[in-house]
Protein backbone atom coordinates (compact mmCIF):
# COMPACT_ATOMS: atom_id res chain seq x y z
CA UNK A 1 -25.89 95.40 -62.18
CA UNK A 2 -28.01 98.48 -61.82
CA UNK A 3 -30.67 98.63 -59.11
CA UNK A 4 -33.43 98.74 -61.73
CA UNK A 5 -32.12 95.62 -63.48
CA UNK A 6 -31.76 93.85 -60.13
CA UNK A 7 -35.34 94.76 -59.22
CA UNK A 8 -36.64 93.53 -62.58
CA UNK A 9 -34.76 90.26 -62.12
CA UNK A 10 -36.24 89.91 -58.62
CA UNK A 11 -39.79 90.47 -59.92
CA UNK A 12 -39.25 87.94 -62.70
CA UNK A 13 -37.92 85.38 -60.23
CA UNK A 14 -40.80 86.08 -57.87
CA UNK A 15 -43.29 85.44 -60.67
CA UNK A 16 -41.51 82.27 -61.81
CA UNK A 17 -41.25 80.94 -58.26
CA UNK A 18 -44.91 81.49 -57.52
CA UNK A 19 -46.27 80.26 -60.87
CA UNK A 20 -44.00 77.20 -61.06
CA UNK A 21 -45.13 76.24 -57.58
CA UNK A 22 -48.75 76.12 -58.72
CA UNK A 23 -48.03 73.54 -61.45
CA UNK A 24 -47.39 70.71 -58.98
CA UNK A 25 -48.47 72.17 -55.61
CA UNK A 26 -47.20 69.37 -53.38
CA UNK A 27 -43.75 68.90 -54.87
CA UNK A 28 -42.46 72.13 -56.41
CA UNK A 29 -42.84 74.72 -53.60
CA UNK A 30 -40.60 72.93 -51.06
CA UNK A 31 -38.09 71.98 -53.77
CA UNK A 32 -37.87 75.53 -55.14
CA UNK A 33 -37.75 76.99 -51.63
CA UNK A 34 -34.93 74.75 -50.40
CA UNK A 35 -32.96 75.15 -53.63
CA UNK A 36 -33.21 78.93 -53.46
CA UNK A 37 -32.29 78.95 -49.76
CA UNK A 38 -29.24 76.80 -50.53
CA UNK A 39 -28.20 79.16 -53.32
CA UNK A 40 -28.63 82.15 -51.00
CA UNK A 41 -26.52 80.39 -48.40
CA UNK A 42 -23.76 79.43 -50.83
CA UNK A 43 -23.70 82.44 -53.17
CA UNK A 44 -24.82 85.18 -50.83
CA UNK A 45 -27.67 87.58 -51.45
CA UNK A 46 -28.83 87.59 -55.06
CA UNK A 47 -32.02 88.90 -56.58
CA UNK A 48 -32.75 85.57 -58.29
CA UNK A 49 -32.39 83.51 -55.10
CA UNK A 50 -34.39 85.97 -53.05
CA UNK A 51 -37.18 86.21 -55.64
CA UNK A 52 -37.51 82.44 -55.94
CA UNK A 53 -37.48 82.11 -52.16
CA UNK A 54 -40.21 84.73 -51.73
CA UNK A 55 -42.40 83.37 -54.54
CA UNK A 56 -42.32 79.72 -53.57
CA UNK A 57 -42.43 80.49 -49.85
CA UNK A 58 -45.55 82.58 -50.33
CA UNK A 59 -47.30 79.77 -52.23
CA UNK A 60 -46.21 77.25 -49.58
CA UNK A 61 -47.52 79.49 -46.80
CA UNK A 62 -50.86 79.84 -48.59
CA UNK A 63 -51.13 76.07 -49.02
CA UNK A 64 -50.42 75.44 -45.34
CA UNK A 65 -52.98 78.05 -44.29
CA UNK A 66 -55.62 76.60 -46.65
CA UNK A 67 -55.05 73.09 -45.25
CA UNK A 68 -55.04 74.26 -41.65
CA UNK A 69 -58.12 76.48 -41.86
CA UNK A 70 -60.43 75.20 -44.62
CA UNK A 71 -63.27 77.55 -45.54
CA UNK A 72 -65.87 74.82 -46.01
């Protein structure tokens, strides 16, 4: 796989991981994160696993920060 194709796949996975996590914010982010971490552990570094991990992890981090430090 060329570096450009790998980068495009990573960006697509990042988008999917972050947007799918917003559909059901309490259930999907941990499920996507742990599934992608398991795939990274079993299959080694892949752009799909890393993108899903980054996208869902970012949404999960934002949710934890919003609950810990509410603005209102």
